[in-house]
Every structure is written in C-alpha cells, then in structure tokens.
C-alpha cells in the first residue's frame, strides 16, 4: 500500500505579516482558501492575490514569498503531494512531467469549474479539520485527493494543457517501451542511443521515429530528462556529500555549464542554488515560521494519509 500525505494548515491572524518561502525537499500543490482578509503570493515577476471567493493554486517550490493581509485574517491551506499531480498529468497525456508545470492560477469560485474545484477542496478540508473522519479513512482520502488532482489538471491551464483533449496516445510500440525501460535501468552507465537501439533490436532511425510518434520527443531528449531528474534528486538530498560537479559527471553531463543551463531551464534555479538551499535546510528545522506574526494567531497543522 502506498501512502500519500496531505496536510492542512489553518490560520487566524490579527495584523499583516510576510514570510520568505524556503522551498522544502518535499514538493506540494498548495491550495489556498482565504475566508477573510487576503493572501499575496509572489512568484518572481508575478503575484497572485487570494481573497474570499477565490482560490489560489501554486507549487510550493515556485513561491518566493507570501504576504498575509487583513485584520482579522482567516485562511486554510491544503497541500497535496506533488506526486499525485504528476500522476494525474501522466494519466491524461502519457508523459511524465519534468521541470515546472506552470500550474499557478487564481480560481474564481463563482463559475462552474471553480465551484467544483472549490467544493471538492473544501470537502477535503472539512474532512480533515478537528480530527475529522478523513484522517481515519485513508482510502477515502486517497480517492478524494486523486479526484481533485484530476480535476485541477483538466481544468486549470498549465504547460501541458494543450495535450489534454487531443486524440489519446496509442500504447507505445514494444520497442519504445523496452527502450524506456532500458534507459531507466542503465541511465547511470555511459550508454548511447545506438546502444539503446541495439539492446531492443531495432535501428536507431526506427527508435527515433517511435519516440517522435508516441512520446513527442527524441530518445536523446528523453534520456537527458530522466538523468536530469536523477541529478536533481541527488542535489535535493542534504546528506549527499557529492559536489555539483561530481553529480553532473555521475549522470553523464560532461559540460558543467551546459548542465547548469539545462537544469535551470527545467527547475528554475541553478544546481548550486539547490545544493546550497538543502544544506541550509539541514541546519534549520523545517516547518517553522521565522518571521514575527503580530497579534493573536493560531496555526493548526493536520497531516492525513491516503492510500493509493
């Protein structure tokens, strides 16, 4: 049984305050539901404003800072494990998302899609609040969480939205599936695309054609993507003593500058930034606010487990 953690943060504040986000190792879809007051979420050049009647969706690792406004202010933040979102995307477009999905949006709860998303999110919040029944029903929690993820991926614009609603991909030919499996098993070895083609018993040209037809990418790009993802996992491991250069070489990127550029394009930061942040996070306990919050306030953190 695989467990998916959800977390609910409920807050009440008398006065405005802001906090700079420190992205955690864990990746979440944060669903912000202001009941009174407002939330301003800074994403670099863009800012999303959440007010009553609106819902804000954002990946926690894309947030730079959060400003809480209103006296009083009341809000709920429901956090879904990003793996649920990635699974939903893969289910619709047959592509495992790599890099940023661009799933940041303000949802108007007055229209049909918004009401449906808001209603489902609120159902989960209500079921978790005050030691609610969802905390004792992991199967129900899982079903609701996956239903919400499916609804968000279908309804909210993101980088892969254009692939949803198109004619579904056919099941990839055996040689494409075998090539993908071979790449995953051997991605830490110095394999070439010719070696991949030879391993599955077809020509390099046929392999290229299969990937372009059924994955909308090339074998080389696919291999680079999974290696880049593996490198990020190493960089996110605060206990990993390897340097950025060592990790770069380990995963087959022999030019540090090109690796850094590809990594930044995919994840929005340099490899050294990820490594440095994780080193800091190991020294600083996660889950604590380090800004002073004026006035009376209460934060309730509830973690639930859903089974999939």
Protein backbone atom coordinates (compact mmCIF):
# COMPACT_ATOMS: atom_id res chain seq x y z
CA UNK A 1 0.00 0.00 0.00
CA UNK A 2 1.44 3.37 -1.00
CA UNK A 3 0.76 6.28 1.34
CA UNK A 4 0.19 9.83 0.11
CA UNK A 5 0.44 12.58 2.73
CA UNK A 6 -1.93 15.54 2.67
CA UNK A 7 -1.55 18.44 5.05
CA UNK A 8 -3.96 21.12 6.21
CA UNK A 9 -2.79 24.45 7.63
CA UNK A 10 -5.48 26.68 9.18
CA UNK A 11 -4.58 30.18 10.36
CA UNK A 12 -6.19 33.13 12.15
CA UNK A 13 -4.23 36.40 12.43
CA UNK A 14 -4.78 39.97 13.65
CA UNK A 15 -2.39 42.03 11.58
CA UNK A 16 -0.37 41.70 8.38
CA UNK A 17 2.90 39.82 8.04
CA UNK A 18 5.02 38.26 5.35
CA UNK A 19 7.43 35.38 5.10
CA UNK A 20 10.02 34.42 2.52
CA UNK A 21 9.50 30.88 1.33
CA UNK A 22 12.25 28.31 1.73
CA UNK A 23 11.39 25.52 -0.74
CA UNK A 24 11.43 22.17 1.00
CA UNK A 25 12.64 18.84 -0.27
CA UNK A 26 9.01 17.77 -0.48
CA UNK A 27 7.06 19.24 -3.38
CA UNK A 28 3.41 20.17 -2.95
CA UNK A 29 0.46 21.69 -4.74
CA UNK A 30 -0.70 24.32 -2.28
CA UNK A 31 -4.40 25.16 -2.45
CA UNK A 32 -5.07 28.41 -0.60
CA UNK A 33 -8.62 29.22 0.51
CA UNK A 34 -8.88 32.67 2.17
CA UNK A 35 -12.02 33.09 4.29
CA UNK A 36 -11.27 36.63 5.48
CA UNK A 37 -8.52 39.04 4.50
CA UNK A 38 -6.14 38.28 1.62
CA UNK A 39 -3.00 36.38 0.62
CA UNK A 40 -0.45 37.73 -1.86
CA UNK A 41 1.77 35.01 -3.37
CA UNK A 42 4.92 36.27 -5.10
CA UNK A 43 6.24 34.13 -7.97
CA UNK A 44 9.04 36.41 -9.08
CA UNK A 45 7.60 38.85 -11.59
CA UNK A 46 4.04 37.68 -11.00
CA UNK A 47 1.88 37.97 -7.91
CA UNK A 48 -1.29 36.01 -7.22
CA UNK A 49 -3.85 37.61 -4.89
CA UNK A 50 -6.17 35.31 -3.00
CA UNK A 51 -9.31 36.82 -1.49
CA UNK A 52 -12.60 35.35 -0.23
CA UNK A 53 -14.49 33.92 -3.19
CA UNK A 54 -11.26 32.95 -4.92
CA UNK A 55 -8.91 30.01 -4.59
CA UNK A 56 -5.16 30.07 -5.33
CA UNK A 57 -3.23 27.10 -6.72
CA UNK A 58 0.56 27.14 -6.62
CA UNK A 59 3.55 24.80 -6.47
CA UNK A 60 5.29 25.48 -3.14
CA UNK A 61 8.75 25.36 -4.75
CA UNK A 62 7.85 28.21 -7.12
CA UNK A 63 6.85 30.66 -4.35
CA UNK A 64 9.30 33.40 -3.35
CA UNK A 65 7.30 34.99 -0.54
CA UNK A 66 3.82 35.17 0.93
CA UNK A 67 2.13 38.29 2.34
CA UNK A 68 -0.82 37.81 4.69
CA UNK A 69 -3.16 40.82 4.85
CA UNK A 70 -6.26 41.66 6.81
CA UNK A 71 -7.25 42.24 10.41
CA UNK A 72 -8.55 39.74 11.13
CA UNK A 73 -7.34 37.20 8.59
CA UNK A 74 -8.54 33.61 8.29
CA UNK A 75 -7.48 31.06 5.70
CA UNK A 76 -6.92 27.38 5.02
CA UNK A 77 -4.05 25.92 3.02
CA UNK A 78 -4.49 22.39 1.72
CA UNK A 79 -1.30 20.78 0.47
CA UNK A 80 -1.35 17.81 -1.90
CA UNK A 81 1.76 15.75 -2.53
CA UNK A 82 3.06 16.75 -5.98
CA UNK A 83 3.37 13.08 -6.91
CA UNK A 84 -0.43 12.98 -7.11
CA UNK A 85 -0.41 15.87 -9.60
CA UNK A 86 2.37 14.28 -11.67
CA UNK A 87 0.44 11.01 -11.74
CA UNK A 88 -2.69 12.83 -12.93
CA UNK A 89 -0.76 14.56 -15.72
CA UNK A 90 0.82 11.29 -16.86
CA UNK A 91 -2.62 9.68 -16.89
CA UNK A 92 -4.01 12.28 -19.27
CA UNK A 93 -1.11 12.89 -21.64
CA UNK A 94 1.06 9.75 -21.23
CA UNK A 95 4.05 11.94 -20.42
CA UNK A 96 5.73 12.16 -17.03
CA UNK A 97 6.13 15.90 -16.40
CA UNK A 98 9.70 17.10 -15.91
CA UNK A 99 10.53 20.58 -14.72
CA UNK A 100 7.99 23.20 -13.85
CA UNK A 101 4.41 22.56 -14.86
CA UNK A 102 3.37 26.20 -14.57
CA UNK A 103 0.30 25.22 -12.58
CA UNK A 104 -0.24 28.53 -10.77
CA UNK A 105 -3.62 30.13 -11.01
CA UNK A 106 -6.42 32.04 -9.32
CA UNK A 107 -9.67 30.10 -9.42
CA UNK A 108 -12.91 32.10 -9.41
CA UNK A 109 -15.38 30.19 -7.27
CA UNK A 110 -18.34 31.86 -8.97
CA UNK A 111 -18.07 29.86 -12.22
CA UNK A 112 -18.89 26.19 -12.73
CA UNK A 113 -15.32 24.81 -12.89
CA UNK A 114 -14.25 26.95 -9.96
CA UNK A 115 -17.19 25.89 -7.84
CA UNK A 116 -16.44 22.23 -8.50
CA UNK A 117 -12.75 22.56 -7.60
CA UNK A 118 -13.57 24.69 -4.56
CA UNK A 119 -16.28 22.33 -3.36
CA UNK A 120 -14.02 19.29 -3.59
CA UNK A 121 -11.14 21.09 -1.88
CA UNK A 122 -13.46 22.27 0.88
CA UNK A 123 -14.79 18.73 1.34
CA UNK A 124 -11.24 17.51 1.99
CA UNK A 125 -10.55 20.44 4.34
CA UNK A 126 -13.74 19.79 6.31
CA UNK A 127 -12.96 16.08 6.48
CA UNK A 128 -9.51 16.76 7.95
CA UNK A 129 -10.35 19.60 10.33
CA UNK A 130 -10.76 18.83 14.06
CA UNK A 131 -9.52 15.26 13.67
CA UNK A 132 -12.16 14.68 11.00
CA UNK A 133 -13.24 11.36 9.51
CA UNK A 134 -10.88 11.54 6.52
CA UNK A 135 -7.93 11.17 8.87
CA UNK A 136 -9.25 7.73 9.76
CA UNK A 137 -10.15 6.72 6.22
CA UNK A 138 -7.01 6.60 4.05
CA UNK A 139 -8.85 5.08 1.09
CA UNK A 140 -11.44 7.89 1.05
CA UNK A 141 -8.65 10.45 1.45
CA UNK A 142 -6.79 8.94 -1.49
CA UNK A 143 -9.88 8.83 -3.72
CA UNK A 144 -10.78 12.46 -2.99
CA UNK A 145 -7.19 13.65 -3.43
CA UNK A 146 -6.79 11.93 -6.79
CA UNK A 147 -10.19 13.20 -7.94
CA UNK A 148 -9.14 16.75 -7.04
CA UNK A 149 -5.81 16.32 -8.85
CA UNK A 150 -7.56 15.03 -11.98
CA UNK A 151 -9.99 17.96 -11.91
CA UNK A 152 -7.20 20.52 -11.47
CA UNK A 153 -5.07 19.06 -14.27
CA UNK A 154 -8.04 19.03 -16.66
CA UNK A 155 -9.47 22.45 -15.76
CA UNK A 156 -6.54 24.72 -14.88
CA UNK A 157 -4.14 25.94 -17.62
CA UNK A 158 -0.57 24.64 -17.41
CA UNK A 159 2.40 23.82 -19.64
CA UNK A 160 0.92 20.55 -20.93
CA UNK A 161 -2.72 21.65 -21.21
CA UNK A 162 -2.57 21.62 -25.00
CA UNK A 163 -2.07 17.84 -24.95
CA UNK A 164 -5.25 17.18 -22.96
CA UNK A 165 -8.31 16.56 -25.08
CA UNK A 166 -6.31 15.55 -28.11
CA UNK A 167 -6.63 12.09 -29.55
CA UNK A 168 -5.18 9.83 -26.84
CA UNK A 169 -1.79 8.31 -27.44
CA UNK A 170 -1.86 4.73 -28.59
CA UNK A 171 0.05 2.27 -26.48
CA UNK A 172 3.66 2.77 -27.45
CA UNK A 173 5.15 0.00 -29.59
CA UNK A 174 7.09 -2.63 -27.75
CA UNK A 175 10.43 -1.22 -28.85
CA UNK A 176 9.67 2.21 -27.37
CA UNK A 177 8.55 0.70 -24.08
CA UNK A 178 11.60 -1.58 -23.98
CA UNK A 179 13.89 1.33 -24.80
CA UNK A 180 12.41 3.39 -21.96
CA UNK A 181 12.88 0.52 -19.53
CA UNK A 182 16.47 0.03 -20.73
CA UNK A 183 17.22 3.74 -20.23
CA UNK A 184 15.83 3.77 -16.69
CA UNK A 185 17.83 0.70 -15.69
CA UNK A 186 21.08 1.90 -17.29
CA UNK A 187 20.90 5.69 -17.06
CA UNK A 188 23.85 5.78 -14.64
CA UNK A 189 26.01 3.99 -17.24
CA UNK A 190 27.64 5.65 -20.29
CA UNK A 191 25.05 4.39 -22.76
CA UNK A 192 24.42 5.88 -26.20
CA UNK A 193 21.25 5.89 -28.29
CA UNK A 194 22.88 3.37 -30.64
CA UNK A 195 23.38 1.06 -27.68
CA UNK A 196 19.72 1.52 -26.69
CA UNK A 197 18.56 0.66 -30.21
CA UNK A 198 20.83 -2.38 -30.33
CA UNK A 199 19.55 -3.57 -26.95
CA UNK A 200 15.93 -3.59 -28.15
CA UNK A 201 16.82 -5.00 -31.58
CA UNK A 202 15.89 -2.14 -33.92
CA UNK A 203 17.67 0.55 -35.89
CA UNK A 204 18.46 3.95 -34.45
CA UNK A 205 16.21 5.52 -37.07
CA UNK A 206 13.25 3.34 -36.07
CA UNK A 207 13.83 4.23 -32.43
CA UNK A 208 13.86 7.94 -33.28
CA UNK A 209 10.63 7.57 -35.26
CA UNK A 210 8.94 5.67 -32.43
CA UNK A 211 9.81 8.27 -29.82
CA UNK A 212 8.73 11.17 -32.02
CA UNK A 213 5.42 9.46 -32.82
CA UNK A 214 4.49 8.20 -29.38
CA UNK A 215 6.39 10.43 -26.94
CA UNK A 216 6.70 13.67 -28.91
CA UNK A 217 10.38 13.79 -28.08
CA UNK A 218 13.63 12.15 -29.15
CA UNK A 219 15.41 9.26 -27.40
CA UNK A 220 18.30 11.58 -26.56
CA UNK A 221 16.00 14.18 -25.01
CA UNK A 222 14.16 11.51 -23.02
CA UNK A 223 17.42 10.09 -21.65
CA UNK A 224 18.63 13.58 -20.78
CA UNK A 225 15.36 14.32 -18.95
CA UNK A 226 15.48 11.26 -16.71
CA UNK A 227 19.16 11.85 -15.96
CA UNK A 228 18.42 15.47 -15.11
CA UNK A 229 15.67 14.32 -12.76
CA UNK A 230 18.09 11.87 -11.10
CA UNK A 231 20.66 14.63 -10.69
CA UNK A 232 18.05 16.82 -9.02
CA UNK A 233 17.19 14.04 -6.59
CA UNK A 234 20.88 13.86 -5.61
CA UNK A 235 21.05 17.64 -5.21
CA UNK A 236 17.92 17.63 -3.04
CA UNK A 237 19.49 15.05 -0.73
CA UNK A 238 21.02 17.18 2.01
CA UNK A 239 23.03 14.19 3.27
CA UNK A 240 24.71 13.64 -0.12
CA UNK A 241 28.36 14.78 0.17
CA UNK A 242 28.94 14.86 -3.61
CA UNK A 243 29.70 18.22 -5.20
CA UNK A 244 27.63 19.68 -8.02
CA UNK A 245 30.41 18.79 -10.44
CA UNK A 246 30.54 15.20 -9.21
CA UNK A 247 26.77 14.84 -9.58
CA UNK A 248 26.95 16.41 -13.03
CA UNK A 249 29.54 13.88 -14.17
CA UNK A 250 27.83 10.98 -12.42
CA UNK A 251 24.71 11.42 -14.56
CA UNK A 252 26.51 11.81 -17.86
CA UNK A 253 26.67 15.61 -18.15
CA UNK A 254 30.27 16.26 -19.10
CA UNK A 255 29.97 20.03 -19.55
CA UNK A 256 29.13 21.75 -16.25
CA UNK A 257 27.92 24.95 -17.92
CA UNK A 258 25.50 23.14 -20.22
CA UNK A 259 24.27 21.00 -17.33
CA UNK A 260 23.63 24.14 -15.27
CA UNK A 261 21.73 25.78 -18.13
CA UNK A 262 19.57 22.70 -18.77
CA UNK A 263 18.90 22.32 -15.05
CA UNK A 264 17.89 25.97 -14.72
CA UNK A 265 15.55 25.70 -17.72
CA UNK A 266 13.87 22.67 -16.16
CA UNK A 267 13.72 23.70 -12.50
CA UNK A 268 14.05 27.47 -12.41
CA UNK A 269 17.26 27.59 -10.38
CA UNK A 270 20.93 26.72 -10.69
CA UNK A 271 22.20 23.35 -9.38
CA UNK A 272 24.38 25.17 -6.87
CA UNK A 273 21.31 27.01 -5.54
CA UNK A 274 19.53 23.70 -4.92
CA UNK A 275 22.59 22.24 -3.20
CA UNK A 276 23.06 25.34 -1.04
CA UNK A 277 19.39 25.50 -0.06
CA UNK A 278 19.32 21.88 1.03
CA UNK A 279 22.47 22.37 3.10
CA UNK A 280 20.71 25.25 4.90
CA UNK A 281 17.54 23.22 5.37
CA UNK A 282 19.54 20.51 7.14
CA UNK A 283 20.72 23.10 9.65
CA UNK A 284 17.29 24.79 10.06
CA UNK A 285 14.25 22.78 11.23
CA UNK A 286 11.60 22.68 8.52
CA UNK A 287 8.02 23.71 9.05
CA UNK A 288 8.76 26.72 11.31
CA UNK A 289 7.93 30.36 10.60
CA UNK A 290 10.90 32.59 11.31
CA UNK A 291 9.04 35.92 10.96
CA UNK A 292 7.27 37.56 13.84
CA UNK A 293 3.50 37.40 13.40
CA UNK A 294 1.76 40.39 15.05
CA UNK A 295 -1.34 39.99 17.13
CA UNK A 296 -3.09 36.83 18.11
CA UNK A 297 -2.75 33.96 15.76
CA UNK A 298 -3.25 30.25 15.58
CA UNK A 299 -1.81 27.70 13.19
CA UNK A 300 -3.19 24.21 13.11
CA UNK A 301 -1.27 21.64 11.10
CA UNK A 302 -3.02 18.38 10.32
CA UNK A 303 -1.40 15.60 8.30
CA UNK A 304 -3.51 12.94 6.69
CA UNK A 305 -2.59 9.77 4.89
CA UNK A 306 -4.36 8.48 1.84
CA UNK A 307 -3.75 5.12 0.21
CA UNK A 308 -3.39 4.54 -3.47
